[in-house]
Amino acid sequence: MAPQAPRQIPVIVLAGFLGSGKTTLLNHLLGRSGGSRVGAVVNDFGSIEIDAMTVAGQVDSMVSLGNGCLCCAVDTSELDEYLERLARPAARIDVIVIEASGLAEPQELIRMILASENDRIVYGGLTEVVDAAEFAATRARHPEIDRHVAVADLVVLNKADRIGAAEQRALLDTLAELSPGTPVVPAAYGRIDPELFFDRKPRDEADEAVRQLSFEDLIRAEADAEAAAGGEATGEHVCDGPECREHGCGHGHGQHLHAAYESVEFVSDAPMNPRRLMAFLDSRPAGLYRIKGFVHFDVPENRQKFAVHAVGDFLRFYPSPWQPDEERRTQLVMIGSGVDAAALRKELADCRETGPERAGPESMWGVLRYVPSGGEPGEPGDPEPGGPGEPDGPADFALGRPEEYDEL
């Protein structure tokens, strides 16, 4: 039986040229982390609104915030060390965000994460923050922005409220030419729902009555006040409660923080065909950014549960045993911008096993290619060393565009 799927912490690279708003976005993620603990890696504490948050303590170059998040000020030579520290189980970090400015080129940071021997972290995607109002000027000063956008897994078109509709359409067309198929999410003031980047945990309500008022409470209160006043201050209503998401809260969805992207669920009791599913993953539709969940293949020697983690072109599968009382089914959540939910569900439905003839063990080679190495040889779900399912070296990190990283 395969071991339990390891818990790996996604490491997100946040990039963008001076003035694009990436630091504003990072501060937004820190302030709206909910019950999740974010590890922020920056070059200088000056970029983080430490003074606006409750500082619980500081050790060396690591600052602990009152909401459970940690901030580290490091240079490139120290990055591996601090990733190791943040990934230790004792830190209880749920996601790590690296602000690329002042550290290294985004591509170099990606290579460092992918080459890391730390099995507690996993690549969480490259997000490029673009200044909508100054894109042409930035492109003239820094032509390398084209290269950065081309390898991004997600583009945040920040300050979109400062340009007209026609200019925004033209800019979206330009970004689509630079990075075909990459989701682009317009934003104002870096306000992106954290759920787009990571699975935000609910706050622990047990100590709500006695805990110290946090920075998150203050901005929530401000947002609630703006909503009560009709949202005039920002034109945006922030809605986090399940009653808002599921039943509606009386505000138009165009005002919601989560309105810029879609979340599509797919559930199947029938097992999935490995080759058909890999064909789907290899040709994912434009705008799809993240896929998470579990897959049931029911293939001889590979009947365990396969957790899937996909962001941009990066893909990993993690086999683990089904629990005795767990229903064997495929459950996936797909997150993106401008995706066709009905078409996505149909494509995945076509990946199900339909006839009496089931796929054989050899059909799993494409899946096993993306299972991290490190399991015991001969375990179900692990390809034979040197066999068709074993990549040369570490499992390939991408589907579709790996050559772009090699050229940079």
Protein backbone atom coordinates (compact mmCIF):
# COMPACT_ATOMS: atom_id res chain seq x y z
CA MET A 1 0.00 0.00 0.00
CA ALA A 2 1.27 3.47 -0.87
CA PRO A 3 2.11 5.89 1.95
CA GLN A 4 -0.18 8.76 2.85
CA ALA A 5 0.15 11.64 0.38
CA PRO A 6 2.67 14.09 1.82
CA ARG A 7 1.53 17.55 2.80
CA GLN A 8 3.50 19.95 0.64
CA ILE A 9 3.47 23.72 1.02
CA PRO A 10 2.91 25.63 -2.24
CA VAL A 11 5.55 28.28 -2.94
CA ILE A 12 4.17 31.15 -5.01
CA VAL A 13 6.48 33.56 -6.82
CA LEU A 14 5.04 37.09 -6.99
CA ALA A 15 6.72 39.22 -9.64
CA GLY A 16 6.20 42.60 -11.25
CA PHE A 17 8.12 45.76 -12.04
CA LEU A 18 8.36 48.79 -9.77
CA GLY A 19 4.97 50.38 -9.23
CA SER A 20 2.91 47.47 -10.53
CA GLY A 21 1.32 46.86 -7.13
CA LYS A 22 2.78 43.48 -6.24
CA THR A 23 3.65 44.65 -2.73
CA THR A 24 0.08 45.92 -2.29
CA LEU A 25 -1.13 42.50 -3.40
CA LEU A 26 1.21 40.76 -0.95
CA ASN A 27 0.00 42.95 1.91
CA HIS A 28 -3.57 42.13 0.89
CA LEU A 29 -2.84 38.39 1.06
CA LEU A 30 -1.20 38.78 4.47
CA GLY A 31 -4.10 40.79 5.79
CA ARG A 32 -6.78 38.46 4.42
CA SER A 33 -5.21 35.09 5.11
CA GLY A 34 -8.18 33.94 7.18
CA GLY A 35 -7.10 30.92 9.22
CA SER A 36 -4.17 30.18 6.89
CA ARG A 37 -0.59 30.97 7.88
CA VAL A 38 1.34 32.72 5.11
CA GLY A 39 5.13 32.79 4.98
CA ALA A 40 6.22 35.92 3.09
CA VAL A 41 9.77 36.09 1.76
CA VAL A 42 10.89 39.60 0.82
CA ASN A 43 14.14 41.43 0.22
CA ASP A 44 13.36 44.25 2.64
CA PHE A 45 10.85 44.62 5.44
CA GLY A 46 10.17 48.13 4.17
CA SER A 47 7.80 46.67 1.58
CA ILE A 48 5.58 45.01 4.19
CA GLU A 49 3.14 47.01 6.28
CA ILE A 50 4.60 45.60 9.49
CA ASP A 51 3.62 48.71 11.46
CA ALA A 52 -0.03 48.21 10.50
CA MET A 53 -0.07 44.65 11.78
CA THR A 54 0.36 43.12 15.21
CA VAL A 55 3.95 41.88 15.58
CA ALA A 56 4.00 38.86 17.87
CA GLY A 57 7.79 38.53 17.91
CA GLN A 58 11.00 38.56 15.89
CA VAL A 59 13.89 36.11 15.63
CA ASP A 60 16.83 36.93 13.35
CA SER A 61 15.36 38.06 10.03
CA MET A 62 11.97 36.49 10.68
CA VAL A 63 9.02 38.48 11.99
CA SER A 64 5.94 36.75 13.38
CA LEU A 65 2.66 38.59 12.89
CA GLY A 66 -0.29 38.41 15.22
CA ASN A 67 -2.47 36.64 12.65
CA GLY A 68 -0.04 33.70 12.45
CA CYS A 69 1.81 34.81 9.31
CA LEU A 70 5.60 35.02 9.13
CA CYS A 71 7.76 37.46 7.18
CA CYS A 72 11.41 36.88 6.28
CA ALA A 73 13.84 39.46 4.89
CA VAL A 74 16.48 37.53 2.97
CA ASP A 75 18.81 37.71 0.00
CA THR A 76 19.21 35.06 -2.67
CA SER A 77 21.99 33.20 -0.87
CA GLU A 78 19.71 32.71 2.14
CA LEU A 79 16.58 31.68 0.26
CA ASP A 80 17.05 27.92 0.58
CA GLU A 81 17.70 28.24 4.31
CA TYR A 82 14.57 30.27 4.94
CA LEU A 83 12.40 28.06 2.76
CA GLU A 84 13.63 25.19 4.91
CA ARG A 85 12.75 27.07 8.09
CA LEU A 86 9.31 28.08 6.86
CA ALA A 87 8.56 24.54 5.70
CA ARG A 88 9.33 22.92 9.05
CA PRO A 89 6.20 21.35 10.57
CA ALA A 90 6.66 23.44 13.74
CA ALA A 91 6.12 26.65 11.74
CA ARG A 92 2.67 25.39 10.62
CA ILE A 93 2.87 27.49 7.45
CA ASP A 94 0.20 26.78 4.81
CA VAL A 95 1.57 28.76 1.85
CA ILE A 96 4.81 30.62 1.08
CA VAL A 97 4.86 33.76 -1.10
CA ILE A 98 8.18 35.04 -2.47
CA GLU A 99 8.24 38.65 -3.66
CA ALA A 100 10.70 38.48 -6.53
CA SER A 101 11.87 42.10 -6.62
CA GLY A 102 15.34 42.56 -5.16
CA LEU A 103 15.92 38.82 -4.86
CA ALA A 104 16.36 37.37 -8.32
CA GLU A 105 14.79 37.08 -11.74
CA PRO A 106 11.47 35.19 -11.51
CA GLN A 107 12.81 32.43 -13.73
CA GLU A 108 15.76 31.90 -11.41
CA LEU A 109 13.44 31.65 -8.41
CA ILE A 110 11.34 29.08 -10.27
CA ARG A 111 14.44 27.02 -11.01
CA MET A 112 15.49 27.18 -7.35
CA ILE A 113 12.10 25.96 -6.18
CA LEU A 114 11.93 23.17 -8.75
CA ALA A 115 15.48 22.08 -8.00
CA SER A 116 14.97 22.12 -4.24
CA GLU A 117 15.48 18.82 -2.44
CA ASN A 118 13.04 19.91 0.26
CA ASP A 119 10.14 17.47 -0.08
CA ARG A 120 7.89 19.67 2.07
CA ILE A 121 7.50 22.38 -0.60
CA VAL A 122 6.01 22.35 -4.09
CA TYR A 123 5.92 24.94 -6.86
CA GLY A 124 2.78 27.07 -6.49
CA GLY A 125 2.98 29.17 -9.64
CA LEU A 126 4.42 32.42 -10.96
CA THR A 127 2.09 35.42 -10.70
CA GLU A 128 3.11 38.46 -12.72
CA VAL A 129 1.53 41.74 -11.57
CA VAL A 130 1.12 44.25 -14.42
CA ASP A 131 0.34 47.96 -14.07
CA ALA A 132 -2.58 48.52 -16.44
CA ALA A 133 -2.18 52.29 -16.47
CA GLU A 134 1.58 52.25 -17.13
CA PHE A 135 2.02 49.06 -19.16
CA ALA A 136 3.23 50.77 -22.35
CA ALA A 137 5.73 52.92 -20.44
CA THR A 138 6.95 49.92 -18.40
CA ARG A 139 7.35 47.89 -21.59
CA ALA A 140 9.46 50.68 -23.13
CA ARG A 141 11.74 50.86 -20.06
CA HIS A 142 11.81 47.12 -19.39
CA PRO A 143 11.29 45.10 -22.60
CA GLU A 144 11.99 41.96 -20.55
CA ILE A 145 8.45 42.27 -19.21
CA ASP A 146 7.35 40.39 -22.34
CA ARG A 147 9.50 37.48 -21.24
CA HIS A 148 8.14 37.57 -17.70
CA VAL A 149 4.53 37.57 -18.90
CA ALA A 150 5.28 34.74 -21.31
CA VAL A 151 6.27 32.35 -18.52
CA ALA A 152 3.70 33.49 -15.95
CA ASP A 153 1.07 31.03 -14.74
CA LEU A 154 -1.26 33.90 -13.80
CA VAL A 155 -1.26 37.58 -14.76
CA VAL A 156 -2.87 40.12 -12.43
CA LEU A 157 -3.83 43.23 -14.39
CA ASN A 158 -3.63 45.65 -11.48
CA LYS A 159 -4.94 49.24 -11.50
CA ALA A 160 -7.51 48.18 -14.10
CA ASP A 161 -9.85 50.80 -12.69
CA ARG A 162 -7.56 53.53 -14.04
CA ILE A 163 -8.09 52.73 -17.72
CA GLY A 164 -11.15 52.72 -19.96
CA ALA A 165 -12.95 49.67 -21.29
CA ALA A 166 -11.49 49.96 -24.79
CA GLU A 167 -7.94 50.34 -23.47
CA GLN A 168 -8.45 47.36 -21.16
CA ARG A 169 -9.66 45.17 -24.04
CA ALA A 170 -6.61 46.15 -26.11
CA LEU A 171 -4.29 45.41 -23.19
CA LEU A 172 -5.93 42.03 -22.60
CA ASP A 173 -5.36 41.22 -26.29
CA THR A 174 -1.68 42.16 -25.95
CA LEU A 175 -1.24 39.98 -22.87
CA ALA A 176 -2.99 37.10 -24.66
CA GLU A 177 -0.48 37.42 -27.50
CA LEU A 178 2.45 37.43 -25.08
CA SER A 179 1.20 34.44 -23.09
CA PRO A 180 -1.49 32.48 -24.95
CA GLY A 181 -3.91 30.67 -22.67
CA THR A 182 -2.65 32.23 -19.44
CA PRO A 183 -5.47 33.54 -17.22
CA VAL A 184 -5.52 37.31 -16.74
CA VAL A 185 -7.41 38.70 -13.73
CA PRO A 186 -8.14 42.45 -13.62
CA ALA A 187 -7.83 44.02 -10.17
CA ALA A 188 -7.78 47.33 -8.33
CA TYR A 189 -5.49 48.04 -5.36
CA GLY A 190 -4.14 44.48 -5.55
CA ARG A 191 -7.41 43.13 -4.17
CA ILE A 192 -7.48 39.53 -5.31
CA ASP A 193 -9.36 36.83 -3.43
CA PRO A 194 -6.70 34.67 -1.68
CA GLU A 195 -8.67 31.58 -2.74
CA LEU A 196 -7.32 32.12 -6.24
CA PHE A 197 -3.81 31.41 -4.94
CA PHE A 198 -4.30 28.94 -2.09
CA ASP A 199 -6.97 27.12 -0.10
CA ARG A 200 -7.73 29.58 2.67
CA LYS A 201 -8.60 27.96 5.98
CA PRO A 202 -11.48 29.30 8.08
CA ARG A 203 -10.47 31.23 11.19
CA ASP A 204 -10.53 29.29 14.43
CA GLU A 205 -13.52 30.77 16.24
CA ALA A 206 -12.61 29.15 19.59
CA ASP A 207 -10.60 32.12 20.82
CA GLU A 208 -12.47 34.89 19.00
CA ALA A 209 -13.75 36.40 22.24
CA VAL A 210 -10.33 36.80 23.83
CA ARG A 211 -7.86 37.24 21.00
CA GLN A 212 -6.26 40.59 20.21
CA LEU A 213 -7.82 42.75 17.52
CA SER A 214 -5.83 42.04 14.36
CA PHE A 215 -5.04 43.95 11.19
CA GLU A 216 -7.42 41.61 9.37
CA ASP A 217 -10.25 42.64 11.70
CA LEU A 218 -9.57 46.30 10.95
CA ILE A 219 -9.73 45.92 7.17
CA ARG A 220 -12.79 43.71 7.43
CA ALA A 221 -14.48 46.38 9.51
CA GLU A 222 -13.49 49.01 6.95
CA ALA A 223 -14.87 46.87 4.12
CA ASP A 224 -18.11 46.31 6.00
CA ALA A 225 -18.44 50.04 6.57
CA GLU A 226 -17.89 50.70 2.88
CA ALA A 227 -20.47 48.05 1.97
CA ALA A 228 -23.00 49.61 4.36
CA ALA A 229 -22.41 52.94 2.66
CA GLY A 230 -23.01 51.44 -0.75
CA GLY A 231 -19.39 50.65 -1.55
CA GLU A 232 -18.71 54.22 -2.66
CA ALA A 233 -15.17 54.31 -1.26
CA THR A 234 -13.84 51.54 -3.46
CA GLY A 235 -16.73 50.39 -5.66
CA GLU A 236 -16.12 46.91 -4.32
CA HIS A 237 -17.95 44.78 -1.77
CA VAL A 238 -15.83 42.20 0.04
CA CYS A 239 -17.79 39.04 0.76
CA ASP A 240 -16.21 36.08 2.51
CA GLY A 241 -19.04 34.36 4.33
CA PRO A 242 -20.52 31.11 3.04
CA GLU A 243 -23.98 32.65 3.27
CA CYS A 244 -22.86 35.22 0.69
CA ARG A 245 -21.21 32.74 -1.63
CA GLU A 246 -23.98 30.18 -1.52
CA HIS A 247 -27.20 32.12 -0.97
CA GLY A 248 -26.45 35.65 -2.12
CA CYS A 249 -26.19 38.73 0.02
CA GLY A 250 -28.07 41.32 -1.98
CA HIS A 251 -24.99 42.82 -3.61
CA GLY A 252 -24.33 42.49 -7.32
CA HIS A 253 -21.71 39.89 -8.22
CA GLY A 254 -19.84 42.51 -10.20
CA GLN A 255 -18.92 44.07 -6.84
CA HIS A 256 -17.62 40.89 -5.25
CA LEU A 257 -13.96 40.34 -4.56
CA HIS A 258 -14.26 36.84 -6.03
CA ALA A 259 -16.09 37.90 -9.20
CA ALA A 260 -12.91 38.06 -11.32
CA TYR A 261 -12.51 34.29 -11.55
CA GLU A 262 -14.59 31.14 -11.68
CA SER A 263 -14.49 27.95 -9.65
CA VAL A 264 -15.83 24.82 -11.36
CA GLU A 265 -16.48 21.53 -9.55
CA PHE A 266 -16.51 18.07 -11.11
CA VAL A 267 -17.54 14.85 -9.36
CA SER A 268 -17.62 11.37 -10.85
CA ASP A 269 -18.50 8.03 -9.26
CA ALA A 270 -17.19 6.25 -12.35
CA PRO A 271 -13.38 5.83 -12.40
CA MET A 272 -11.35 7.99 -14.75
CA ASN A 273 -9.41 6.67 -17.71
CA PRO A 274 -5.73 7.62 -17.14
CA ARG A 275 -4.89 8.27 -20.79
CA ARG A 276 -7.99 10.37 -21.40
CA LEU A 277 -7.41 12.42 -18.26
CA MET A 278 -3.78 13.07 -19.16
CA ALA A 279 -4.89 14.14 -22.65
CA PHE A 280 -7.24 16.63 -20.98
CA LEU A 281 -4.47 17.93 -18.70
CA ASP A 282 -2.09 18.21 -21.65
CA SER A 283 -4.52 20.45 -23.55
CA ARG A 284 -6.16 22.42 -20.79
CA PRO A 285 -8.37 25.26 -22.05
CA ALA A 286 -7.25 28.86 -21.94
CA GLY A 287 -7.82 30.64 -18.66
CA LEU A 288 -7.55 27.59 -16.39
CA TYR A 289 -5.11 28.35 -13.55
CA ARG A 290 -5.45 25.80 -10.74
CA ILE A 291 -6.77 22.24 -10.40
CA LYS A 292 -7.04 20.49 -7.05
CA GLY A 293 -8.78 17.41 -5.70
CA PHE A 294 -8.64 13.63 -5.92
CA VAL A 295 -8.82 11.16 -8.78
CA HIS A 296 -10.08 7.57 -8.77
CA PHE A 297 -8.52 5.47 -11.55
CA ASP A 298 -9.38 1.88 -10.47
CA VAL A 299 -6.47 0.50 -12.51
CA PRO A 300 -4.83 -2.77 -11.39
CA GLU A 301 -1.85 -2.04 -9.10
CA ASN A 302 -2.94 1.63 -8.93
CA ARG A 303 -6.28 1.62 -7.18
CA GLN A 304 -5.27 4.11 -4.49
CA LYS A 305 -6.48 7.70 -4.26
CA PHE A 306 -4.46 10.16 -6.35
CA ALA A 307 -4.41 13.72 -5.04
CA VAL A 308 -3.76 16.19 -7.87
CA HIS A 309 -2.02 19.57 -7.66
CA ALA A 310 -1.85 21.61 -10.87
CA VAL A 311 -1.03 25.29 -11.24
CA GLY A 312 -0.38 26.78 -14.65
CA ASP A 313 1.57 24.11 -16.51
CA PHE A 314 2.91 22.50 -13.33
CA LEU A 315 1.45 19.11 -12.34
CA ARG A 316 1.87 16.60 -9.52
CA PHE A 317 -0.02 13.48 -8.43
CA TYR A 318 0.23 12.10 -4.89
CA PRO A 319 -0.99 8.51 -4.32
CA SER A 320 -2.31 7.54 -0.90
CA PRO A 321 -4.62 4.84 0.50
CA TRP A 322 -8.37 5.30 0.55
CA GLN A 323 -9.81 5.34 4.04
CA PRO A 324 -11.96 2.29 4.87
CA ASP A 325 -15.15 4.37 5.01
CA GLU A 326 -14.20 6.72 2.16
CA GLU A 327 -16.30 6.67 -1.00
CA ARG A 328 -14.13 6.07 -4.06
CA ARG A 329 -14.88 8.85 -6.47
CA THR A 330 -13.18 11.64 -8.40
CA GLN A 331 -13.62 15.14 -6.98
CA LEU A 332 -11.94 18.06 -8.73
CA VAL A 333 -12.11 21.84 -8.40
CA MET A 334 -10.88 23.95 -11.31
CA ILE A 335 -10.13 27.66 -10.85
CA GLY A 336 -9.58 30.12 -13.65
CA SER A 337 -10.67 33.24 -15.47
CA GLY A 338 -13.00 33.26 -18.47
CA VAL A 339 -13.43 29.48 -18.49
CA ASP A 340 -16.47 27.67 -19.88
CA ALA A 341 -17.79 25.63 -16.93
CA ALA A 342 -20.13 23.46 -18.98
CA ALA A 343 -17.42 22.65 -21.53
CA LEU A 344 -14.94 21.78 -18.76
CA ARG A 345 -17.38 19.37 -17.12
CA LYS A 346 -18.16 17.74 -20.46
CA GLU A 347 -14.47 17.26 -21.29
CA LEU A 348 -13.90 15.63 -17.91
CA ALA A 349 -17.04 13.50 -18.24
CA ASP A 350 -15.58 12.19 -21.50
CA CYS A 351 -12.49 11.06 -19.52
CA ARG A 352 -14.52 8.52 -17.51
CA GLU A 353 -14.35 4.78 -18.05
CA THR A 354 -17.50 3.87 -19.93
CA GLY A 355 -17.18 0.34 -21.31
CA PRO A 356 -16.65 -3.05 -19.71
CA GLU A 357 -12.99 -3.04 -20.79
CA ARG A 358 -10.96 -1.20 -18.18
CA ALA A 359 -7.52 0.35 -18.67
CA GLY A 360 -4.50 -1.79 -17.82
CA PRO A 361 -1.49 -0.90 -15.65
CA GLU A 362 0.45 0.44 -18.64
CA SER A 363 -2.15 3.21 -19.06
CA MET A 364 -0.86 4.75 -15.81
CA TRP A 365 2.61 5.56 -17.14
CA GLY A 366 1.60 9.11 -18.06
CA VAL A 367 0.19 9.69 -14.55
CA LEU A 368 3.11 8.12 -12.71
CA ARG A 369 5.47 10.43 -14.57
CA TYR A 370 4.16 13.20 -12.31
CA VAL A 371 4.38 11.33 -9.00
CA PRO A 372 7.32 12.75 -7.01
CA SER A 373 10.19 10.36 -6.50
CA GLY A 374 11.04 9.12 -3.03
CA GLY A 375 8.60 6.25 -2.54
CA GLU A 376 9.74 2.72 -1.86
CA PRO A 377 10.62 0.81 -5.07
CA GLY A 378 7.93 -1.58 -6.12
CA GLU A 379 5.09 0.22 -4.33
CA PRO A 380 1.86 0.45 -6.27
CA GLY A 381 1.81 3.78 -8.06
CA ASP A 382 5.59 3.97 -8.47
CA PRO A 383 7.02 3.24 -11.94
CA GLU A 384 9.84 0.76 -12.22
CA PRO A 385 13.23 2.50 -12.10
CA GLY A 386 14.18 3.40 -15.64
CA GLY A 387 10.82 2.21 -16.93
CA PRO A 388 8.53 4.04 -19.36
CA GLY A 389 6.83 5.98 -16.57
CA GLU A 390 10.04 7.21 -14.97
CA PRO A 391 11.22 10.62 -16.20
CA ASP A 392 14.91 11.30 -16.61
CA GLY A 393 15.69 13.01 -13.31
CA PRO A 394 12.99 14.81 -11.31
CA ALA A 395 9.42 14.57 -12.52
CA ASP A 396 8.69 17.06 -15.28
CA PHE A 397 7.31 20.22 -13.78
CA ALA A 398 5.18 21.33 -16.68
CA LEU A 399 2.81 20.26 -19.37
CA GLY A 400 2.94 22.14 -22.64
CA ARG A 401 5.56 24.86 -22.12
CA PRO A 402 8.66 23.57 -20.27
CA GLU A 403 10.96 24.75 -23.03
CA GLU A 404 10.20 28.38 -22.19
CA TYR A 405 12.01 28.06 -18.87
CA ASP A 406 15.06 26.55 -20.57
CA GLU A 407 15.35 29.42 -23.03
CA LEU A 408 15.42 32.14 -20.35
